[in-house]
């Protein structure tokens, strides 16, 4: 089953393209799942980049400073980004998934 995000705010042409992509993806097993996974991974990378900038100005924080604090902070930020993307993120994954499915239909 393909989960289609809410189409609120989309133009009629975009809604029609989304429906066509959904139909095309449903004919090939696993395409929609792979597209969603790739879209969430892309969003996680974007969020990681954003959060690295946010956390770069922090002092010692919960890690107590030292040479390993930066390494642990990067691990923590990476997990935050993955968690945010999996739980809905900021909406980038939905758009990327639609674009990936539309590209599959063109081929």
PDB file of N, CA and C in Angstrom:
ATOM      1  N   UNK A   1       0.840  -1.178   0.000  1.00  0.00           N
ATOM      2  CA  UNK A   1       0.000   0.000   0.000  1.00  0.00           C
ATOM      3  C   UNK A   1       0.878   1.232   0.000  1.00  0.00           C
ATOM      4  N   UNK A   2       0.535   2.195  -0.795  1.00  0.00           N
ATOM      5  CA  UNK A   2       1.298   3.436  -0.893  1.00  0.00           C
ATOM      6  C   UNK A   2       0.601   4.491  -0.063  1.00  0.00           C
ATOM      7  N   UNK A   3       1.375   5.124   0.797  1.00  0.00           N
ATOM      8  CA  UNK A   3       0.833   6.202   1.618  1.00  0.00           C
ATOM      9  C   UNK A   3       1.109   7.505   0.904  1.00  0.00           C
ATOM     10  N   UNK A   4       0.071   8.224   0.600  1.00  0.00           N
ATOM     11  CA  UNK A   4       0.200   9.506  -0.094  1.00  0.00           C
ATOM     12  C   UNK A   4      -0.019  10.613   0.918  1.00  0.00           C
ATOM     13  N   UNK A   5       0.927  11.562   1.014  1.00  0.00           N
ATOM     14  CA  UNK A   5       0.749  12.669   1.939  1.00  0.00           C
ATOM     15  C   UNK A   5      -0.451  13.517   1.536  1.00  0.00           C
ATOM     16  N   UNK A   6      -0.921  14.293   2.482  1.00  0.00           N
ATOM     17  CA  UNK A   6      -2.053  15.170   2.219  1.00  0.00           C
ATOM     18  C   UNK A   6      -1.723  16.076   1.045  1.00  0.00           C
ATOM     19  N   UNK A   7      -2.666  16.253   0.163  1.00  0.00           N
ATOM     20  CA  UNK A   7      -2.451  17.048  -1.038  1.00  0.00           C
ATOM     21  C   UNK A   7      -2.866  18.503  -0.840  1.00  0.00           C
ATOM     22  N   UNK A   8      -2.984  18.939   0.401  1.00  0.00           N
ATOM     23  CA  UNK A   8      -3.394  20.321   0.637  1.00  0.00           C
ATOM     24  C   UNK A   8      -2.311  21.269   0.154  1.00  0.00           C
ATOM     25  N   UNK A   9      -2.740  22.322  -0.506  1.00  0.00           N
ATOM     26  CA  UNK A   9      -1.796  23.315  -0.988  1.00  0.00           C
ATOM     27  C   UNK A   9      -1.206  22.989  -2.350  1.00  0.00           C
ATOM     28  N   UNK A  10      -1.549  21.846  -2.938  1.00  0.00           N
ATOM     29  CA  UNK A  10      -1.024  21.494  -4.246  1.00  0.00           C
ATOM     30  C   UNK A  10      -1.961  22.006  -5.334  1.00  0.00           C
ATOM     31  N   UNK A  11      -1.369  22.346  -6.449  1.00  0.00           N
ATOM     32  CA  UNK A  11      -2.173  22.749  -7.590  1.00  0.00           C
ATOM     33  C   UNK A  11      -2.860  21.516  -8.167  1.00  0.00           C
ATOM     34  N   UNK A  12      -3.914  21.702  -8.945  1.00  0.00           N
ATOM     35  CA  UNK A  12      -4.573  20.543  -9.554  1.00  0.00           C
ATOM     36  C   UNK A  12      -3.626  19.721 -10.424  1.00  0.00           C
ATOM     37  N   UNK A  13      -2.706  20.387 -11.124  1.00  0.00           N
ATOM     38  CA  UNK A  13      -1.748  19.664 -11.961  1.00  0.00           C
ATOM     39  C   UNK A  13      -0.812  18.818 -11.111  1.00  0.00           C
ATOM     40  N   UNK A  14      -0.362  19.368  -9.974  1.00  0.00           N
ATOM     41  CA  UNK A  14       0.523  18.620  -9.085  1.00  0.00           C
ATOM     42  C   UNK A  14      -0.213  17.443  -8.461  1.00  0.00           C
ATOM     43  N   UNK A  15      -1.473  17.645  -8.112  1.00  0.00           N
ATOM     44  CA  UNK A  15      -2.273  16.561  -7.552  1.00  0.00           C
ATOM     45  C   UNK A  15      -2.450  15.447  -8.580  1.00  0.00           C
ATOM     46  N   UNK A  16      -2.697  15.813  -9.831  1.00  0.00           N
ATOM     47  CA  UNK A  16      -2.838  14.818 -10.899  1.00  0.00           C
ATOM     48  C   UNK A  16      -1.522  14.074 -11.128  1.00  0.00           C
ATOM     49  N   UNK A  17      -0.406  14.801 -11.103  1.00  0.00           N
ATOM     50  CA  UNK A  17       0.903  14.163 -11.276  1.00  0.00           C
ATOM     51  C   UNK A  17       1.192  13.204 -10.143  1.00  0.00           C
ATOM     52  N   UNK A  18       0.813  13.584  -8.926  1.00  0.00           N
ATOM     53  CA  UNK A  18       1.003  12.712  -7.776  1.00  0.00           C
ATOM     54  C   UNK A  18       0.183  11.442  -7.919  1.00  0.00           C
ATOM     55  N   UNK A  19      -1.050  11.571  -8.380  1.00  0.00           N
ATOM     56  CA  UNK A  19      -1.908  10.399  -8.581  1.00  0.00           C
ATOM     57  C   UNK A  19      -1.344   9.493  -9.656  1.00  0.00           C
ATOM     58  N   UNK A  20      -0.806  10.073 -10.731  1.00  0.00           N
ATOM     59  CA  UNK A  20      -0.196   9.266 -11.784  1.00  0.00           C
ATOM     60  C   UNK A  20       1.046   8.547 -11.278  1.00  0.00           C
ATOM     61  N   UNK A  21       1.857   9.242 -10.499  1.00  0.00           N
ATOM     62  CA  UNK A  21       3.060   8.619  -9.942  1.00  0.00           C
ATOM     63  C   UNK A  21       2.688   7.485  -9.000  1.00  0.00           C
ATOM     64  N   UNK A  22       1.633   7.687  -8.236  1.00  0.00           N
ATOM     65  CA  UNK A  22       1.165   6.654  -7.315  1.00  0.00           C
ATOM     66  C   UNK A  22       0.723   5.417  -8.091  1.00  0.00           C
ATOM     67  N   UNK A  23      -0.005   5.614  -9.185  1.00  0.00           N
ATOM     68  CA  UNK A  23      -0.467   4.498 -10.002  1.00  0.00           C
ATOM     69  C   UNK A  23       0.712   3.766 -10.630  1.00  0.00           C
ATOM     70  N   UNK A  24       1.673   4.524 -11.160  1.00  0.00           N
ATOM     71  CA  UNK A  24       2.842   3.902 -11.788  1.00  0.00           C
ATOM     72  C   UNK A  24       3.667   3.144 -10.771  1.00  0.00           C
ATOM     73  N   UNK A  25       3.830   3.712  -9.580  1.00  0.00           N
ATOM     74  CA  UNK A  25       4.641   3.061  -8.555  1.00  0.00           C
ATOM     75  C   UNK A  25       3.960   1.808  -8.024  1.00  0.00           C
ATOM     76  N   UNK A  26       2.633   1.812  -8.013  1.00  0.00           N
ATOM     77  CA  UNK A  26       1.934   0.649  -7.481  1.00  0.00           C
ATOM     78  C   UNK A  26       2.058  -0.548  -8.410  1.00  0.00           C
ATOM     79  N   UNK A  27       2.391  -0.308  -9.687  1.00  0.00           N
ATOM     80  CA  UNK A  27       2.548  -1.418 -10.614  1.00  0.00           C
ATOM     81  C   UNK A  27       3.893  -2.112 -10.457  1.00  0.00           C
ATOM     82  N   UNK A  28       4.859  -1.477  -9.831  1.00  0.00           N
ATOM     83  CA  UNK A  28       6.168  -2.077  -9.599  1.00  0.00           C
ATOM     84  C   UNK A  28       6.346  -2.251  -8.090  1.00  0.00           C
ATOM     85  N   UNK A  29       6.434  -3.505  -7.636  1.00  0.00           N
ATOM     86  CA  UNK A  29       6.532  -3.731  -6.191  1.00  0.00           C
ATOM     87  C   UNK A  29       7.805  -3.144  -5.588  1.00  0.00           C
ATOM     88  N   UNK A  30       7.658  -2.489  -4.464  1.00  0.00           N
ATOM     89  CA  UNK A  30       8.792  -1.981  -3.709  1.00  0.00           C
ATOM     90  C   UNK A  30       9.304  -0.620  -4.130  1.00  0.00           C
ATOM     91  N   UNK A  31       8.851  -0.087  -5.248  1.00  0.00           N
ATOM     92  CA  UNK A  31       9.364   1.204  -5.719  1.00  0.00           C
ATOM     93  C   UNK A  31       8.996   2.318  -4.745  1.00  0.00           C
ATOM     94  N   UNK A  32       7.754   2.333  -4.302  1.00  0.00           N
ATOM     95  CA  UNK A  32       7.318   3.387  -3.388  1.00  0.00           C
ATOM     96  C   UNK A  32       8.057   3.299  -2.058  1.00  0.00           C
ATOM     97  N   UNK A  33       8.286   2.084  -1.571  1.00  0.00           N
ATOM     98  CA  UNK A  33       9.021   1.916  -0.309  1.00  0.00           C
ATOM     99  C   UNK A  33      10.460   2.385  -0.444  1.00  0.00           C
ATOM    100  N   UNK A  34      11.096   2.042  -1.563  1.00  0.00           N
ATOM    101  CA  UNK A  34      12.478   2.472  -1.782  1.00  0.00           C
ATOM    102  C   UNK A  34      12.554   3.989  -1.942  1.00  0.00           C
ATOM    103  N   UNK A  35      11.565   4.562  -2.618  1.00  0.00           N
ATOM    104  CA  UNK A  35      11.535   6.019  -2.793  1.00  0.00           C
ATOM    105  C   UNK A  35      11.367   6.703  -1.444  1.00  0.00           C
ATOM    106  N   UNK A  36      10.506   6.161  -0.594  1.00  0.00           N
ATOM    107  CA  UNK A  36      10.292   6.770   0.725  1.00  0.00           C
ATOM    108  C   UNK A  36      11.558   6.689   1.568  1.00  0.00           C
ATOM    109  N   UNK A  37      12.218   5.527   1.537  1.00  0.00           N
ATOM    110  CA  UNK A  37      13.454   5.358   2.302  1.00  0.00           C
ATOM    111  C   UNK A  37      14.525   6.338   1.829  1.00  0.00           C
ATOM    112  N   UNK A  38      14.676   6.460   0.512  1.00  0.00           N
ATOM    113  CA  UNK A  38      15.666   7.391  -0.041  1.00  0.00           C
ATOM    114  C   UNK A  38      15.317   8.831   0.327  1.00  0.00           C
ATOM    115  N   UNK A  39      14.028   9.162   0.289  1.00  0.00           N
ATOM    116  CA  UNK A  39      13.599  10.522   0.624  1.00  0.00           C
ATOM    117  C   UNK A  39      13.864  10.839   2.091  1.00  0.00           C
ATOM    118  N   UNK A  40      13.596   9.880   2.979  1.00  0.00           N
ATOM    119  CA  UNK A  40      13.861  10.099   4.405  1.00  0.00           C
ATOM    120  C   UNK A  40      15.359  10.203   4.667  1.00  0.00           C
ATOM    121  N   UNK A  41      16.160   9.399   3.962  1.00  0.00           N
ATOM    122  CA  UNK A  41      17.615   9.498   4.112  1.00  0.00           C
ATOM    123  C   UNK A  41      18.114  10.866   3.664  1.00  0.00           C
ATOM    124  N   UNK A  42      17.577  11.365   2.556  1.00  0.00           N
ATOM    125  CA  UNK A  42      17.963  12.693   2.066  1.00  0.00           C
ATOM    126  C   UNK A  42      17.609  13.760   3.088  1.00  0.00           C
ATOM    127  N   UNK A  43      16.395  13.672   3.634  1.00  0.00           N
ATOM    128  CA  UNK A  43      15.981  14.659   4.627  1.00  0.00           C
ATOM    129  C   UNK A  43      16.853  14.579   5.875  1.00  0.00           C
ATOM    130  N   UNK A  44      17.233  13.367   6.274  1.00  0.00           N
ATOM    131  CA  UNK A  44      18.099  13.203   7.448  1.00  0.00           C
ATOM    132  C   UNK A  44      19.461  13.853   7.214  1.00  0.00           C
ATOM    133  N   UNK A  45      19.998  13.721   6.013  1.00  0.00           N
ATOM    134  CA  UNK A  45      21.289  14.356   5.697  1.00  0.00           C
ATOM    135  C   UNK A  45      21.156  15.879   5.762  1.00  0.00           C
ATOM    136  N   UNK A  46      20.060  16.410   5.220  1.00  0.00           N
ATOM    137  CA  UNK A  46      19.826  17.849   5.263  1.00  0.00           C
ATOM    138  C   UNK A  46      19.689  18.331   6.707  1.00  0.00           C
ATOM    139  N   UNK A  47      18.884  17.623   7.490  1.00  0.00           N
ATOM    140  CA  UNK A  47      18.695  18.007   8.893  1.00  0.00           C
ATOM    141  C   UNK A  47      19.999  17.903   9.673  1.00  0.00           C
ATOM    142  N   UNK A  48      20.798  16.897   9.374  1.00  0.00           N
ATOM    143  CA  UNK A  48      22.092  16.739  10.038  1.00  0.00           C
ATOM    144  C   UNK A  48      22.964  17.956   9.765  1.00  0.00           C
ATOM    145  N   UNK A  49      22.994  18.389   8.516  1.00  0.00           N
ATOM    146  CA  UNK A  49      23.787  19.563   8.160  1.00  0.00           C
ATOM    147  C   UNK A  49      23.300  20.806   8.906  1.00  0.00           C
ATOM    148  N   UNK A  50      21.987  20.974   8.975  1.00  0.00           N
ATOM    149  CA  UNK A  50      21.422  22.118   9.694  1.00  0.00           C
ATOM    150  C   UNK A  50      21.766  22.057  11.180  1.00  0.00           C
ATOM    151  N   UNK A  51      21.579  20.891  11.768  1.00  0.00           N
ATOM    152  CA  UNK A  51      21.798  20.756  13.212  1.00  0.00           C
ATOM    153  C   UNK A  51      23.274  20.850  13.583  1.00  0.00           C
ATOM    154  N   UNK A  52      24.170  20.390  12.709  1.00  0.00           N
ATOM    155  CA  UNK A  52      25.604  20.527  12.991  1.00  0.00           C
ATOM    156  C   UNK A  52      25.947  22.004  13.180  1.00  0.00           C
ATOM    157  N   UNK A  53      25.339  22.856  12.350  1.00  0.00           N
ATOM    158  CA  UNK A  53      25.575  24.292  12.478  1.00  0.00           C
ATOM    159  C   UNK A  53      25.001  24.830  13.779  1.00  0.00           C
ATOM    160  N   UNK A  54      23.842  24.325  14.164  1.00  0.00           N
ATOM    161  CA  UNK A  54      23.214  24.782  15.407  1.00  0.00           C
ATOM    162  C   UNK A  54      24.044  24.390  16.624  1.00  0.00           C
ATOM    163  N   UNK A  55      24.567  23.178  16.618  1.00  0.00           N
ATOM    164  CA  UNK A  55      25.285  22.669  17.776  1.00  0.00           C
ATOM    165  C   UNK A  55      26.748  23.084  17.801  1.00  0.00           C
ATOM    166  N   UNK A  56      27.260  23.675  16.715  1.00  0.00           N
ATOM    167  CA  UNK A  56      28.683  24.016  16.660  1.00  0.00           C
ATOM    168  C   UNK A  56      29.074  25.102  17.659  1.00  0.00           C
ATOM    169  N   UNK A  57      28.152  25.982  18.020  1.00  0.00           N
ATOM    170  CA  UNK A  57      28.472  27.072  18.929  1.00  0.00           C
ATOM    171  C   UNK A  57      28.329  26.731  20.399  1.00  0.00           C
ATOM    172  N   UNK A  58      27.942  25.511  20.708  1.00  0.00           N
ATOM    173  CA  UNK A  58      27.765  25.134  22.108  1.00  0.00           C
ATOM    174  C   UNK A  58      29.105  24.953  22.805  1.00  0.00           C
ATOM    175  N   UNK A  59      29.087  25.184  24.072  1.00  0.00           N
ATOM    176  CA  UNK A  59      30.286  24.959  24.869  1.00  0.00           C
ATOM    177  C   UNK A  59      30.451  23.481  25.173  1.00  0.00           C
ATOM    178  N   UNK A  60      30.810  23.177  26.397  1.00  0.00           N
ATOM    179  CA  UNK A  60      31.044  21.792  26.778  1.00  0.00           C
ATOM    180  C   UNK A  60      29.773  20.965  26.721  1.00  0.00           C
ATOM    181  N   UNK A  61      28.671  21.515  27.182  1.00  0.00           N
ATOM    182  CA  UNK A  61      27.402  20.781  27.138  1.00  0.00           C
ATOM    183  C   UNK A  61      27.430  19.524  27.986  1.00  0.00           C
ATOM    184  N   UNK A  62      26.615  18.540  27.633  1.00  0.00           N
ATOM    185  CA  UNK A  62      26.514  17.336  28.445  1.00  0.00           C
ATOM    186  C   UNK A  62      27.709  16.399  28.301  1.00  0.00           C
ATOM    187  N   UNK A  63      28.652  16.711  27.397  1.00  0.00           N
ATOM    188  CA  UNK A  63      29.767  15.804  27.156  1.00  0.00           C
ATOM    189  C   UNK A  63      30.990  16.114  28.004  1.00  0.00           C
ATOM    190  N   UNK A  64      30.981  17.225  28.683  1.00  0.00           N
ATOM    191  CA  UNK A  64      32.080  17.548  29.586  1.00  0.00           C
ATOM    192  C   UNK A  64      33.345  18.040  28.919  1.00  0.00           C
ATOM    193  N   UNK A  65      33.317  18.351  27.654  1.00  0.00           N
ATOM    194  CA  UNK A  65      34.494  18.857  26.954  1.00  0.00           C
ATOM    195  C   UNK A  65      35.467  17.749  26.621  1.00  0.00           C
ATOM    196  N   UNK A  66      36.682  18.123  26.303  1.00  0.00           N
ATOM    197  CA  UNK A  66      37.701  17.151  25.940  1.00  0.00           C
ATOM    198  C   UNK A  66      37.693  16.867  24.447  1.00  0.00           C
ATOM    199  N   UNK A  67      38.685  16.098  24.006  1.00  0.00           N
ATOM    200  CA  UNK A  67      38.822  15.854  22.566  1.00  0.00           C
ATOM    201  C   UNK A  67      37.707  15.005  21.956  1.00  0.00           C
ATOM    202  N   UNK A  68      37.088  14.158  22.746  1.00  0.00           N
ATOM    203  CA  UNK A  68      36.059  13.266  22.206  1.00  0.00           C
ATOM    204  C   UNK A  68      34.669  13.906  22.165  1.00  0.00           C
ATOM    205  N   UNK A  69      34.514  15.076  22.766  1.00  0.00           N
ATOM    206  CA  UNK A  69      33.194  15.708  22.828  1.00  0.00           C
ATOM    207  C   UNK A  69      32.643  15.995  21.443  1.00  0.00           C
ATOM    208  N   UNK A  70      33.479  16.453  20.528  1.00  0.00           N
ATOM    209  CA  UNK A  70      33.031  16.742  19.173  1.00  0.00           C
ATOM    210  C   UNK A  70      32.560  15.503  18.440  1.00  0.00           C
ATOM    211  N   UNK A  71      33.249  14.394  18.670  1.00  0.00           N
ATOM    212  CA  UNK A  71      32.862  13.133  18.029  1.00  0.00           C
ATOM    213  C   UNK A  71      31.506  12.681  18.550  1.00  0.00           C
ATOM    214  N   UNK A  72      31.326  12.695  19.851  1.00  0.00           N
ATOM    215  CA  UNK A  72      30.056  12.268  20.428  1.00  0.00           C
ATOM    216  C   UNK A  72      28.931  13.211  20.052  1.00  0.00           C
ATOM    217  N   UNK A  73      29.223  14.495  19.981  1.00  0.00           N
ATOM    218  CA  UNK A  73      28.198  15.458  19.583  1.00  0.00           C
ATOM    219  C   UNK A  73      27.750  15.179  18.146  1.00  0.00           C
ATOM    220  N   UNK A  74      28.683  14.854  17.254  1.00  0.00           N
ATOM    221  CA  UNK A  74      28.301  14.562  15.875  1.00  0.00           C
ATOM    222  C   UNK A  74      27.440  13.301  15.803  1.00  0.00           C
ATOM    223  N   UNK A  75      27.742  12.292  16.629  1.00  0.00           N
ATOM    224  CA  UNK A  75      26.899  11.085  16.680  1.00  0.00           C
ATOM    225  C   UNK A  75      25.494  11.429  17.163  1.00  0.00           C
ATOM    226  N   UNK A  76      25.420  12.261  18.189  1.00  0.00           N
ATOM    227  CA  UNK A  76      24.129  12.647  18.742  1.00  0.00           C
ATOM    228  C   UNK A  76      23.303  13.424  17.717  1.00  0.00           C
ATOM    229  N   UNK A  77      23.928  14.358  17.034  1.00  0.00           N
ATOM    230  CA  UNK A  77      23.232  15.153  16.028  1.00  0.00           C
ATOM    231  C   UNK A  77      22.767  14.264  14.876  1.00  0.00           C
ATOM    232  N   UNK A  78      23.585  13.304  14.483  1.00  0.00           N
ATOM    233  CA  UNK A  78      23.201  12.384  13.414  1.00  0.00           C
ATOM    234  C   UNK A  78      21.961  11.579  13.803  1.00  0.00           C
ATOM    235  N   UNK A  79      21.917  11.102  15.032  1.00  0.00           N
ATOM    236  CA  UNK A  79      20.748  10.347  15.493  1.00  0.00           C
ATOM    237  C   UNK A  79      19.515  11.236  15.628  1.00  0.00           C
ATOM    238  N   UNK A  80      19.709  12.471  16.073  1.00  0.00           N
ATOM    239  CA  UNK A  80      18.593  13.417  16.116  1.00  0.00           C
ATOM    240  C   UNK A  80      18.005  13.601  14.715  1.00  0.00           C
ATOM    241  N   UNK A  81      18.873  13.812  13.740  1.00  0.00           N
ATOM    242  CA  UNK A  81      18.421  14.054  12.365  1.00  0.00           C
ATOM    243  C   UNK A  81      17.662  12.851  11.822  1.00  0.00           C
ATOM    244  N   UNK A  82      18.183  11.653  12.048  1.00  0.00           N
ATOM    245  CA  UNK A  82      17.502  10.437  11.586  1.00  0.00           C
ATOM    246  C   UNK A  82      16.144  10.289  12.257  1.00  0.00           C
ATOM    247  N   UNK A  83      16.099  10.559  13.545  1.00  0.00           N
ATOM    248  CA  UNK A  83      14.853  10.442  14.296  1.00  0.00           C
ATOM    249  C   UNK A  83      13.811  11.450  13.806  1.00  0.00           C
ATOM    250  N   UNK A  84      14.236  12.687  13.576  1.00  0.00           N
ATOM    251  CA  UNK A  84      13.319  13.714  13.078  1.00  0.00           C
ATOM    252  C   UNK A  84      12.775  13.331  11.711  1.00  0.00           C
ATOM    253  N   UNK A  85      13.644  12.869  10.821  1.00  0.00           N
ATOM    254  CA  UNK A  85      13.217  12.505   9.467  1.00  0.00           C
ATOM    255  C   UNK A  85      12.234  11.337   9.497  1.00  0.00           C
ATOM    256  N   UNK A  86      12.485  10.344  10.347  1.00  0.00           N
ATOM    257  CA  UNK A  86      11.584   9.189  10.450  1.00  0.00           C
ATOM    258  C   UNK A  86      10.215   9.569  10.985  1.00  0.00           C
ATOM    259  N   UNK A  87      10.163  10.556  11.875  1.00  0.00           N
ATOM    260  CA  UNK A  87       8.892  10.914  12.513  1.00  0.00           C
ATOM    261  C   UNK A  87       8.160  12.046  11.787  1.00  0.00           C
ATOM    262  N   UNK A  88       8.498  12.267  10.533  1.00  0.00           N
ATOM    263  CA  UNK A  88       7.772  13.264   9.754  1.00  0.00           C
ATOM    264  C   UNK A  88       8.635  14.401   9.265  1.00  0.00           C
ATOM    265  N   UNK A  89       9.707  14.683   9.969  1.00  0.00           N
ATOM    266  CA  UNK A  89      10.641  15.716   9.536  1.00  0.00           C
ATOM    267  C   UNK A  89      10.012  17.071   9.330  1.00  0.00           C
ATOM    268  N   UNK A  90      10.532  17.793   8.357  1.00  0.00           N
ATOM    269  CA  UNK A  90      10.050  19.140   8.066  1.00  0.00           C
ATOM    270  C   UNK A  90       9.370  19.211   6.702  1.00  0.00           C
ATOM    271  N   UNK A  91       9.095  18.067   6.117  1.00  0.00           N
ATOM    272  CA  UNK A  91       8.343  18.017   4.870  1.00  0.00           C
ATOM    273  C   UNK A  91       9.158  17.814   3.612  1.00  0.00           C
ATOM    274  N   UNK A  92      10.456  17.791   3.731  1.00  0.00           N
ATOM    275  CA  UNK A  92      11.300  17.614   2.553  1.00  0.00           C
ATOM    276  C   UNK A  92      11.118  16.218   1.961  1.00  0.00           C
ATOM    277  N   UNK A  93      11.020  15.206   2.811  1.00  0.00           N
ATOM    278  CA  UNK A  93      10.919  13.822   2.330  1.00  0.00           C
ATOM    279  C   UNK A  93       9.682  13.621   1.456  1.00  0.00           C
ATOM    280  N   UNK A  94       8.578  14.253   1.793  1.00  0.00           N
ATOM    281  CA  UNK A  94       7.363  14.114   0.994  1.00  0.00           C
ATOM    282  C   UNK A  94       7.579  14.624  -0.427  1.00  0.00           C
ATOM    283  N   UNK A  95       8.223  15.773  -0.542  1.00  0.00           N
ATOM    284  CA  UNK A  95       8.467  16.360  -1.858  1.00  0.00           C
ATOM    285  C   UNK A  95       9.480  15.534  -2.646  1.00  0.00           C
ATOM    286  N   UNK A  96      10.517  15.068  -1.970  1.00  0.00           N
ATOM    287  CA  UNK A  96      11.531  14.246  -2.640  1.00  0.00           C
ATOM    288  C   UNK A  96      10.909  12.933  -3.111  1.00  0.00           C
ATOM    289  N   UNK A  97      10.066  12.331  -2.283  1.00  0.00           N
ATOM    290  CA  UNK A  97       9.413  11.081  -2.678  1.00  0.00           C
ATOM    291  C   UNK A  97       8.555  11.291  -3.923  1.00  0.00           C
ATOM    292  N   UNK A  98       7.784  12.357  -3.943  1.00  0.00           N
ATOM    293  CA  UNK A  98       6.958  12.642  -5.124  1.00  0.00           C
ATOM    294  C   UNK A  98       7.820  12.822  -6.367  1.00  0.00           C
ATOM    295  N   UNK A  99       8.926  13.529  -6.211  1.00  0.00           N
ATOM    296  CA  UNK A  99       9.817  13.751  -7.353  1.00  0.00           C
ATOM    297  C   UNK A  99      10.438  12.440  -7.828  1.00  0.00           C
ATOM    298  N   UNK A 100      10.843  11.594  -6.907  1.00  0.00           N
ATOM    299  CA  UNK A 100      11.427  10.302  -7.278  1.00  0.00           C
ATOM    300  C   UNK A 100      10.407   9.431  -8.005  1.00  0.00           C
ATOM    301  N   UNK A 101       9.188   9.404  -7.500  1.00  0.00           N
ATOM    302  CA  UNK A 101       8.148   8.596  -8.144  1.00  0.00           C
ATOM    303  C   UNK A 101       7.808   9.156  -9.523  1.00  0.00           C
ATOM    304  N   UNK A 102       7.784  10.460  -9.642  1.00  0.00           N
ATOM    305  CA  UNK A 102       7.508  11.075 -10.956  1.00  0.00           C
ATOM    306  C   UNK A 102       8.628  10.762 -11.938  1.00  0.00           C
ATOM    307  N   UNK A 103       9.870  10.762 -11.469  1.00  0.00           N
ATOM    308  CA  UNK A 103      11.004  10.422 -12.338  1.00  0.00           C
ATOM    309  C   UNK A 103      10.922   8.964 -12.795  1.00  0.00           C
ATOM    310  N   UNK A 104      10.456   8.096 -11.915  1.00  0.00           N
ATOM    311  CA  UNK A 104      10.312   6.686 -12.296  1.00  0.00           C
ATOM    312  C   UNK A 104       9.256   6.524 -13.377  1.00  0.00           C
ATOM    313  N   UNK A 105       8.220   7.348 -13.323  1.00  0.00           N
ATOM    314  CA  UNK A 105       7.162   7.257 -14.321  1.00  0.00           C
ATOM    315  C   UNK A 105       7.663   7.717 -15.683  1.00  0.00           C
ATOM    316  N   UNK A 106       8.522   8.722 -15.706  1.00  0.00           N
ATOM    317  CA  UNK A 106       9.036   9.266 -16.965  1.00  0.00           C
ATOM    318  C   UNK A 106       9.876   8.232 -17.683  1.00  0.00           C
ATOM    319  N   UNK A 107      10.621   7.445 -16.929  1.00  0.00           N
ATOM    320  CA  UNK A 107      11.521   6.448 -17.560  1.00  0.00           C
ATOM    321  C   UNK A 107      10.713   5.371 -18.108  1.00  0.00           C
TER     322      UNK A 107
END
